[in-house]
Amino acid sequence: MRLDLSAENVRELAQTNVFSSDSHRAFIVSSDAAYGFARAFENLRERMGEHGIRVFIGLEDALLWVFSEKESDSYLANSHHAPKPAG
């Protein structure tokens, strides 16, 4: 998989707020590079007061996060600390 993003692209994208700060969004990734960029985006948005973005390596956990009502309701609230994808 080819990923045409730079760190500057991620910073630029993170400046745009298109969702409510309470909305849950999930990045589902399958490579170390995608994981790194998605986590950078998540961290940048968190610094701007948005805490509804998480990075996942599996669809099932991502869906549980997206459809959970509150961050505290989900055991996945800190799932971005899960191991990075292999490869």
PDB file of N, CA and C in Angstrom:
ATOM      1  N   MET A   1       0.837  -1.170   0.000  1.00  0.00           N
ATOM      2  CA  MET A   1       0.000   0.000   0.000  1.00  0.00           C
ATOM      3  C   MET A   1       0.883   1.234   0.000  1.00  0.00           C
ATOM      4  N   ARG A   2       0.570   2.175  -0.839  1.00  0.00           N
ATOM      5  CA  ARG A   2       1.326   3.418  -0.930  1.00  0.00           C
ATOM      6  C   ARG A   2       0.579   4.522  -0.188  1.00  0.00           C
ATOM      7  N   LEU A   3       1.297   5.290   0.597  1.00  0.00           N
ATOM      8  CA  LEU A   3       0.709   6.350   1.399  1.00  0.00           C
ATOM      9  C   LEU A   3       1.373   7.666   1.014  1.00  0.00           C
ATOM     10  N   ASP A   4       0.631   8.510   0.285  1.00  0.00           N
ATOM     11  CA  ASP A   4       1.168   9.785  -0.185  1.00  0.00           C
ATOM     12  C   ASP A   4       0.800  10.917   0.768  1.00  0.00           C
ATOM     13  N   LEU A   5       1.359  10.881   1.949  1.00  0.00           N
ATOM     14  CA  LEU A   5       1.132  11.919   2.944  1.00  0.00           C
ATOM     15  C   LEU A   5       2.462  12.308   3.551  1.00  0.00           C
ATOM     16  N   SER A   6       2.567  13.557   3.906  1.00  0.00           N
ATOM     17  CA  SER A   6       3.733  14.018   4.652  1.00  0.00           C
ATOM     18  C   SER A   6       3.264  14.459   6.029  1.00  0.00           C
ATOM     19  N   ALA A   7       4.205  14.666   6.919  1.00  0.00           N
ATOM     20  CA  ALA A   7       3.849  15.162   8.251  1.00  0.00           C
ATOM     21  C   ALA A   7       3.149  16.511   8.130  1.00  0.00           C
ATOM     22  N   GLU A   8       3.571  17.339   7.187  1.00  0.00           N
ATOM     23  CA  GLU A   8       2.931  18.644   6.981  1.00  0.00           C
ATOM     24  C   GLU A   8       1.486  18.471   6.507  1.00  0.00           C
ATOM     25  N   ASN A   9       1.225  17.491   5.637  1.00  0.00           N
ATOM     26  CA  ASN A   9      -0.147  17.209   5.198  1.00  0.00           C
ATOM     27  C   ASN A   9      -1.035  16.854   6.384  1.00  0.00           C
ATOM     28  N   VAL A  10      -0.520  16.038   7.284  1.00  0.00           N
ATOM     29  CA  VAL A  10      -1.292  15.637   8.464  1.00  0.00           C
ATOM     30  C   VAL A  10      -1.585  16.855   9.323  1.00  0.00           C
ATOM     31  N   ARG A  11      -0.589  17.720   9.535  1.00  0.00           N
ATOM     32  CA  ARG A  11      -0.809  18.941  10.329  1.00  0.00           C
ATOM     33  C   ARG A  11      -1.873  19.826   9.687  1.00  0.00           C
ATOM     34  N   GLU A  12      -1.818  19.981   8.365  1.00  0.00           N
ATOM     35  CA  GLU A  12      -2.811  20.797   7.659  1.00  0.00           C
ATOM     36  C   GLU A  12      -4.212  20.211   7.795  1.00  0.00           C
ATOM     37  N   LEU A  13      -4.332  18.901   7.616  1.00  0.00           N
ATOM     38  CA  LEU A  13      -5.633  18.247   7.741  1.00  0.00           C
ATOM     39  C   LEU A  13      -6.188  18.375   9.156  1.00  0.00           C
ATOM     40  N   ALA A  14      -5.321  18.318  10.138  1.00  0.00           N
ATOM     41  CA  ALA A  14      -5.757  18.381  11.528  1.00  0.00           C
ATOM     42  C   ALA A  14      -6.254  19.771  11.914  1.00  0.00           C
ATOM     43  N   GLN A  15      -5.951  20.780  11.131  1.00  0.00           N
ATOM     44  CA  GLN A  15      -6.411  22.137  11.418  1.00  0.00           C
ATOM     45  C   GLN A  15      -7.886  22.328  11.090  1.00  0.00           C
ATOM     46  N   THR A  16      -8.443  21.441  10.288  1.00  0.00           N
ATOM     47  CA  THR A  16      -9.823  21.558   9.846  1.00  0.00           C
ATOM     48  C   THR A  16     -10.747  20.772  10.767  1.00  0.00           C
ATOM     49  N   ASN A  17     -11.740  21.440  11.317  1.00  0.00           N
ATOM     50  CA  ASN A  17     -12.703  20.793  12.196  1.00  0.00           C
ATOM     51  C   ASN A  17     -14.022  20.632  11.441  1.00  0.00           C
ATOM     52  N   VAL A  18     -14.347  19.405  11.061  1.00  0.00           N
ATOM     53  CA  VAL A  18     -15.574  19.166  10.297  1.00  0.00           C
ATOM     54  C   VAL A  18     -16.605  18.365  11.086  1.00  0.00           C
ATOM     55  N   PHE A  19     -16.256  17.926  12.309  1.00  0.00           N
ATOM     56  CA  PHE A  19     -17.153  17.147  13.145  1.00  0.00           C
ATOM     57  C   PHE A  19     -17.334  17.836  14.485  1.00  0.00           C
ATOM     58  N   SER A  20     -18.397  17.497  15.174  1.00  0.00           N
ATOM     59  CA  SER A  20     -18.587  17.934  16.546  1.00  0.00           C
ATOM     60  C   SER A  20     -17.457  17.356  17.396  1.00  0.00           C
ATOM     61  N   SER A  21     -17.046  18.084  18.409  1.00  0.00           N
ATOM     62  CA  SER A  21     -15.972  17.578  19.264  1.00  0.00           C
ATOM     63  C   SER A  21     -16.400  16.329  20.032  1.00  0.00           C
ATOM     64  N   ASP A  22     -17.708  16.056  20.083  1.00  0.00           N
ATOM     65  CA  ASP A  22     -18.221  14.869  20.763  1.00  0.00           C
ATOM     66  C   ASP A  22     -18.372  13.660  19.839  1.00  0.00           C
ATOM     67  N   SER A  23     -18.207  13.854  18.546  1.00  0.00           N
ATOM     68  CA  SER A  23     -18.379  12.754  17.591  1.00  0.00           C
ATOM     69  C   SER A  23     -17.255  11.738  17.724  1.00  0.00           C
ATOM     70  N   HIS A  24     -17.598  10.471  17.621  1.00  0.00           N
ATOM     71  CA  HIS A  24     -16.596   9.404  17.617  1.00  0.00           C
ATOM     72  C   HIS A  24     -16.235   9.075  16.178  1.00  0.00           C
ATOM     73  N   ARG A  25     -14.952   9.087  15.889  1.00  0.00           N
ATOM     74  CA  ARG A  25     -14.445   8.698  14.580  1.00  0.00           C
ATOM     75  C   ARG A  25     -13.334   7.685  14.756  1.00  0.00           C
ATOM     76  N   ALA A  26     -13.241   6.768  13.822  1.00  0.00           N
ATOM     77  CA  ALA A  26     -12.232   5.712  13.902  1.00  0.00           C
ATOM     78  C   ALA A  26     -11.398   5.681  12.630  1.00  0.00           C
ATOM     79  N   PHE A  27     -10.101   5.585  12.813  1.00  0.00           N
ATOM     80  CA  PHE A  27      -9.186   5.288  11.712  1.00  0.00           C
ATOM     81  C   PHE A  27      -8.871   3.816  11.821  1.00  0.00           C
ATOM     82  N   ILE A  28      -9.073   3.086  10.734  1.00  0.00           N
ATOM     83  CA  ILE A  28      -8.725   1.672  10.696  1.00  0.00           C
ATOM     84  C   ILE A  28      -7.513   1.553   9.786  1.00  0.00           C
ATOM     85  N   VAL A  29      -6.414   1.044  10.334  1.00  0.00           N
ATOM     86  CA  VAL A  29      -5.153   1.032   9.595  1.00  0.00           C
ATOM     87  C   VAL A  29      -4.617  -0.389   9.469  1.00  0.00           C
ATOM     88  N   SER A  30      -3.740  -0.564   8.496  1.00  0.00           N
ATOM     89  CA  SER A  30      -3.168  -1.888   8.276  1.00  0.00           C
ATOM     90  C   SER A  30      -1.655  -1.856   8.085  1.00  0.00           C
ATOM     91  N   SER A  31      -1.041  -0.689   8.292  1.00  0.00           N
ATOM     92  CA  SER A  31       0.409  -0.612   8.156  1.00  0.00           C
ATOM     93  C   SER A  31       0.982   0.304   9.225  1.00  0.00           C
ATOM     94  N   ASP A  32       2.255   0.155   9.486  1.00  0.00           N
ATOM     95  CA  ASP A  32       2.926   1.009  10.464  1.00  0.00           C
ATOM     96  C   ASP A  32       2.877   2.476  10.049  1.00  0.00           C
ATOM     97  N   ALA A  33       3.062   2.745   8.754  1.00  0.00           N
ATOM     98  CA  ALA A  33       3.044   4.130   8.276  1.00  0.00           C
ATOM     99  C   ALA A  33       1.677   4.763   8.488  1.00  0.00           C
ATOM    100  N   ALA A  34       0.628   4.048   8.126  1.00  0.00           N
ATOM    101  CA  ALA A  34      -0.732   4.563   8.317  1.00  0.00           C
ATOM    102  C   ALA A  34      -1.029   4.751   9.800  1.00  0.00           C
ATOM    103  N   TYR A  35      -0.572   3.815  10.627  1.00  0.00           N
ATOM    104  CA  TYR A  35      -0.765   3.924  12.070  1.00  0.00           C
ATOM    105  C   TYR A  35      -0.103   5.198  12.596  1.00  0.00           C
ATOM    106  N   GLY A  36       1.122   5.445  12.180  1.00  0.00           N
ATOM    107  CA  GLY A  36       1.850   6.632  12.636  1.00  0.00           C
ATOM    108  C   GLY A  36       1.169   7.925  12.240  1.00  0.00           C
ATOM    109  N   PHE A  37       0.738   8.025  10.992  1.00  0.00           N
ATOM    110  CA  PHE A  37       0.053   9.234  10.534  1.00  0.00           C
ATOM    111  C   PHE A  37      -1.290   9.415  11.239  1.00  0.00           C
ATOM    112  N   ALA A  38      -2.033   8.327  11.410  1.00  0.00           N
ATOM    113  CA  ALA A  38      -3.331   8.422  12.073  1.00  0.00           C
ATOM    114  C   ALA A  38      -3.175   8.839  13.534  1.00  0.00           C
ATOM    115  N   ARG A  39      -2.175   8.302  14.222  1.00  0.00           N
ATOM    116  CA  ARG A  39      -1.920   8.687  15.612  1.00  0.00           C
ATOM    117  C   ARG A  39      -1.480  10.144  15.702  1.00  0.00           C
ATOM    118  N   ALA A  40      -0.669  10.603  14.744  1.00  0.00           N
ATOM    119  CA  ALA A  40      -0.258  12.010  14.732  1.00  0.00           C
ATOM    120  C   ALA A  40      -1.486  12.902  14.577  1.00  0.00           C
ATOM    121  N   PHE A  41      -2.385  12.532  13.664  1.00  0.00           N
ATOM    122  CA  PHE A  41      -3.618  13.290  13.465  1.00  0.00           C
ATOM    123  C   PHE A  41      -4.443  13.300  14.750  1.00  0.00           C
ATOM    124  N   GLU A  42      -4.600  12.132  15.373  1.00  0.00           N
ATOM    125  CA  GLU A  42      -5.348  12.030  16.622  1.00  0.00           C
ATOM    126  C   GLU A  42      -4.747  12.953  17.684  1.00  0.00           C
ATOM    127  N   ASN A  43      -3.447  12.925  17.848  1.00  0.00           N
ATOM    128  CA  ASN A  43      -2.782  13.772  18.846  1.00  0.00           C
ATOM    129  C   ASN A  43      -2.972  15.254  18.558  1.00  0.00           C
ATOM    130  N   LEU A  44      -2.858  15.650  17.299  1.00  0.00           N
ATOM    131  CA  LEU A  44      -3.050  17.055  16.941  1.00  0.00           C
ATOM    132  C   LEU A  44      -4.472  17.510  17.246  1.00  0.00           C
ATOM    133  N   ARG A  45      -5.458  16.686  16.928  1.00  0.00           N
ATOM    134  CA  ARG A  45      -6.850  17.049  17.209  1.00  0.00           C
ATOM    135  C   ARG A  45      -7.117  17.089  18.724  1.00  0.00           C
ATOM    136  N   GLU A  46      -6.492  16.181  19.477  1.00  0.00           N
ATOM    137  CA  GLU A  46      -6.654  16.202  20.933  1.00  0.00           C
ATOM    138  C   GLU A  46      -6.140  17.506  21.522  1.00  0.00           C
ATOM    139  N   ARG A  47      -5.039  18.008  20.991  1.00  0.00           N
ATOM    140  CA  ARG A  47      -4.492  19.288  21.462  1.00  0.00           C
ATOM    141  C   ARG A  47      -5.443  20.443  21.190  1.00  0.00           C
ATOM    142  N   MET A  48      -6.334  20.256  20.224  1.00  0.00           N
ATOM    143  CA  MET A  48      -7.308  21.288  19.877  1.00  0.00           C
ATOM    144  C   MET A  48      -8.638  21.056  20.611  1.00  0.00           C
ATOM    145  N   GLY A  49      -8.655  20.132  21.558  1.00  0.00           N
ATOM    146  CA  GLY A  49      -9.836  19.897  22.369  1.00  0.00           C
ATOM    147  C   GLY A  49     -10.794  18.850  21.847  1.00  0.00           C
ATOM    148  N   GLU A  50     -10.399  18.118  20.835  1.00  0.00           N
ATOM    149  CA  GLU A  50     -11.263  17.092  20.249  1.00  0.00           C
ATOM    150  C   GLU A  50     -10.762  15.717  20.685  1.00  0.00           C
ATOM    151  N   HIS A  51     -11.618  14.971  21.374  1.00  0.00           N
ATOM    152  CA  HIS A  51     -11.178  13.710  21.967  1.00  0.00           C
ATOM    153  C   HIS A  51     -11.921  12.499  21.418  1.00  0.00           C
ATOM    154  N   GLY A  52     -12.546  12.607  20.260  1.00  0.00           N
ATOM    155  CA  GLY A  52     -13.354  11.521  19.732  1.00  0.00           C
ATOM    156  C   GLY A  52     -12.705  10.713  18.633  1.00  0.00           C
ATOM    157  N   ILE A  53     -11.401  10.829  18.441  1.00  0.00           N
ATOM    158  CA  ILE A  53     -10.723  10.096  17.373  1.00  0.00           C
ATOM    159  C   ILE A  53      -9.881   8.991  17.998  1.00  0.00           C
ATOM    160  N   ARG A  54      -9.968   7.795  17.431  1.00  0.00           N
ATOM    161  CA  ARG A  54      -9.151   6.669  17.871  1.00  0.00           C
ATOM    162  C   ARG A  54      -8.640   5.914  16.643  1.00  0.00           C
ATOM    163  N   VAL A  55      -7.529   5.237  16.832  1.00  0.00           N
ATOM    164  CA  VAL A  55      -6.903   4.460  15.759  1.00  0.00           C
ATOM    165  C   VAL A  55      -7.039   2.982  16.098  1.00  0.00           C
ATOM    166  N   PHE A  56      -7.462   2.190  15.116  1.00  0.00           N
ATOM    167  CA  PHE A  56      -7.708   0.761  15.315  1.00  0.00           C
ATOM    168  C   PHE A  56      -7.062  -0.048  14.208  1.00  0.00           C
ATOM    169  N   ILE A  57      -6.825  -1.323  14.516  1.00  0.00           N
ATOM    170  CA  ILE A  57      -6.337  -2.233  13.491  1.00  0.00           C
ATOM    171  C   ILE A  57      -7.407  -3.238  13.081  1.00  0.00           C
ATOM    172  N   GLY A  58      -8.570  -3.155  13.727  1.00  0.00           N
ATOM    173  CA  GLY A  58      -9.657  -4.071  13.393  1.00  0.00           C
ATOM    174  C   GLY A  58     -10.998  -3.359  13.314  1.00  0.00           C
ATOM    175  N   LEU A  59     -11.823  -3.795  12.399  1.00  0.00           N
ATOM    176  CA  LEU A  59     -13.137  -3.189  12.178  1.00  0.00           C
ATOM    177  C   LEU A  59     -14.053  -3.346  13.392  1.00  0.00           C
ATOM    178  N   GLU A  60     -14.055  -4.510  14.010  1.00  0.00           N
ATOM    179  CA  GLU A  60     -14.985  -4.758  15.121  1.00  0.00           C
ATOM    180  C   GLU A  60     -14.766  -3.759  16.266  1.00  0.00           C
ATOM    181  N   ASP A  61     -13.523  -3.589  16.695  1.00  0.00           N
ATOM    182  CA  ASP A  61     -13.233  -2.636  17.769  1.00  0.00           C
ATOM    183  C   ASP A  61     -13.549  -1.205  17.343  1.00  0.00           C
ATOM    184  N   ALA A  62     -13.273  -0.879  16.090  1.00  0.00           N
ATOM    185  CA  ALA A  62     -13.574   0.469  15.589  1.00  0.00           C
ATOM    186  C   ALA A  62     -15.072   0.746  15.649  1.00  0.00           C
ATOM    187  N   LEU A  63     -15.876  -0.222  15.244  1.00  0.00           N
ATOM    188  CA  LEU A  63     -17.328  -0.034  15.283  1.00  0.00           C
ATOM    189  C   LEU A  63     -17.844   0.095  16.711  1.00  0.00           C
ATOM    190  N   LEU A  64     -17.290  -0.676  17.628  1.00  0.00           N
ATOM    191  CA  LEU A  64     -17.683  -0.548  19.028  1.00  0.00           C
ATOM    192  C   LEU A  64     -17.398   0.863  19.537  1.00  0.00           C
ATOM    193  N   TRP A  65     -16.253   1.409  19.158  1.00  0.00           N
ATOM    194  CA  TRP A  65     -15.912   2.777  19.566  1.00  0.00           C
ATOM    195  C   TRP A  65     -16.854   3.795  18.930  1.00  0.00           C
ATOM    196  N   VAL A  66     -17.072   3.689  17.642  1.00  0.00           N
ATOM    197  CA  VAL A  66     -17.898   4.672  16.931  1.00  0.00           C
ATOM    198  C   VAL A  66     -19.317   4.698  17.490  1.00  0.00           C
ATOM    199  N   PHE A  67     -19.858   3.543  17.820  1.00  0.00           N
ATOM    200  CA  PHE A  67     -21.242   3.475  18.275  1.00  0.00           C
ATOM    201  C   PHE A  67     -21.406   3.537  19.789  1.00  0.00           C
ATOM    202  N   SER A  68     -20.303   3.655  20.534  1.00  0.00           N
ATOM    203  CA  SER A  68     -20.437   3.822  21.983  1.00  0.00           C
ATOM    204  C   SER A  68     -20.947   5.233  22.254  1.00  0.00           C
ATOM    205  N   GLU A  69     -21.711   5.388  23.325  1.00  0.00           N
ATOM    206  CA  GLU A  69     -22.350   6.676  23.589  1.00  0.00           C
ATOM    207  C   GLU A  69     -21.406   7.698  24.196  1.00  0.00           C
ATOM    208  N   LYS A  70     -20.576   7.269  25.114  1.00  0.00           N
ATOM    209  CA  LYS A  70     -19.635   8.177  25.755  1.00  0.00           C
ATOM    210  C   LYS A  70     -18.287   7.494  25.826  1.00  0.00           C
ATOM    211  N   GLU A  71     -17.245   8.296  25.889  1.00  0.00           N
ATOM    212  CA  GLU A  71     -15.900   7.749  25.986  1.00  0.00           C
ATOM    213  C   GLU A  71     -15.772   6.816  27.182  1.00  0.00           C
ATOM    214  N   SER A  72     -16.359   7.187  28.308  1.00  0.00           N
ATOM    215  CA  SER A  72     -16.243   6.372  29.514  1.00  0.00           C
ATOM    216  C   SER A  72     -17.064   5.085  29.431  1.00  0.00           C
ATOM    217  N   ASP A  73     -18.016   5.014  28.491  1.00  0.00           N
ATOM    218  CA  ASP A  73     -18.848   3.816  28.347  1.00  0.00           C
ATOM    219  C   ASP A  73     -18.130   2.684  27.625  1.00  0.00           C
ATOM    220  N   SER A  74     -17.021   2.984  27.019  1.00  0.00           N
ATOM    221  CA  SER A  74     -16.380   1.999  26.164  1.00  0.00           C
ATOM    222  C   SER A  74     -15.035   1.565  26.717  1.00  0.00           C
ATOM    223  N   TYR A  75     -14.811   0.266  26.776  1.00  0.00           N
ATOM    224  CA  TYR A  75     -13.501  -0.222  27.179  1.00  0.00           C
ATOM    225  C   TYR A  75     -12.457   0.151  26.137  1.00  0.00           C
ATOM    226  N   LEU A  76     -12.916   0.619  24.993  1.00  0.00           N
ATOM    227  CA  LEU A  76     -12.006   0.984  23.911  1.00  0.00           C
ATOM    228  C   LEU A  76     -11.554   2.433  24.002  1.00  0.00           C
ATOM    229  N   ALA A  77     -11.899   3.123  25.047  1.00  0.00           N
ATOM    230  CA  ALA A  77     -11.573   4.535  25.142  1.00  0.00           C
ATOM    231  C   ALA A  77     -10.088   4.787  24.964  1.00  0.00           C
ATOM    232  N   ASN A  78      -9.254   3.846  25.371  1.00  0.00           N
ATOM    233  CA  ASN A  78      -7.814   4.027  25.241  1.00  0.00           C
ATOM    234  C   ASN A  78      -7.204   2.988  24.302  1.00  0.00           C
ATOM    235  N   SER A  79      -7.980   2.518  23.355  1.00  0.00           N
ATOM    236  CA  SER A  79      -7.527   1.434  22.488  1.00  0.00           C
ATOM    237  C   SER A  79      -6.395   1.845  21.578  1.00  0.00           C
ATOM    238  N   HIS A  80      -6.193   3.132  21.406  1.00  0.00           N
ATOM    239  CA  HIS A  80      -5.087   3.563  20.550  1.00  0.00           C
ATOM    240  C   HIS A  80      -3.752   3.185  21.167  1.00  0.00           C
ATOM    241  N   HIS A  81      -3.766   2.672  22.383  1.00  0.00           N
ATOM    242  CA  HIS A  81      -2.541   2.183  22.991  1.00  0.00           C
ATOM    243  C   HIS A  81      -2.314   0.715  22.647  1.00  0.00           C
ATOM    244  N   ALA A  82      -3.189   0.161  21.832  1.00  0.00           N
ATOM    245  CA  ALA A  82      -3.049  -1.226  21.392  1.00  0.00           C
ATOM    246  C   ALA A  82      -1.809  -1.349  20.510  1.00  0.00           C
ATOM    247  N   PRO A  83      -1.296  -2.546  20.341  1.00  0.00           N
ATOM    248  CA  PRO A  83      -0.108  -2.724  19.511  1.00  0.00           C
ATOM    249  C   PRO A  83      -0.304  -2.239  18.085  1.00  0.00           C
ATOM    250  N   LYS A  84       0.750  -1.708  17.506  1.00  0.00           N
ATOM    251  CA  LYS A  84       0.710  -1.283  16.122  1.00  0.00           C
ATOM    252  C   LYS A  84       0.563  -2.508  15.234  1.00  0.00           C
ATOM    253  N   PRO A  85       0.006  -2.306  14.022  1.00  0.00           N
ATOM    254  CA  PRO A  85      -0.097  -3.438  13.087  1.00  0.00           C
ATOM    255  C   PRO A  85       1.283  -3.930  12.679  1.00  0.00           C
ATOM    256  N   ALA A  86       1.395  -5.201  12.448  1.00  0.00           N
ATOM    257  CA  ALA A  86       2.669  -5.764  11.976  1.00  0.00           C
ATOM    258  C   ALA A  86       2.783  -5.559  10.482  1.00  0.00           C
ATOM    259  N   GLY A  87       3.920  -5.086  10.041  1.00  0.00           N
ATOM    260  CA  GLY A  87       4.158  -4.954   8.608  1.00  0.00           C
ATOM    261  C   GLY A  87       3.910  -3.657   8.103  1.00  0.00           C
TER     262      GLY A  87
END
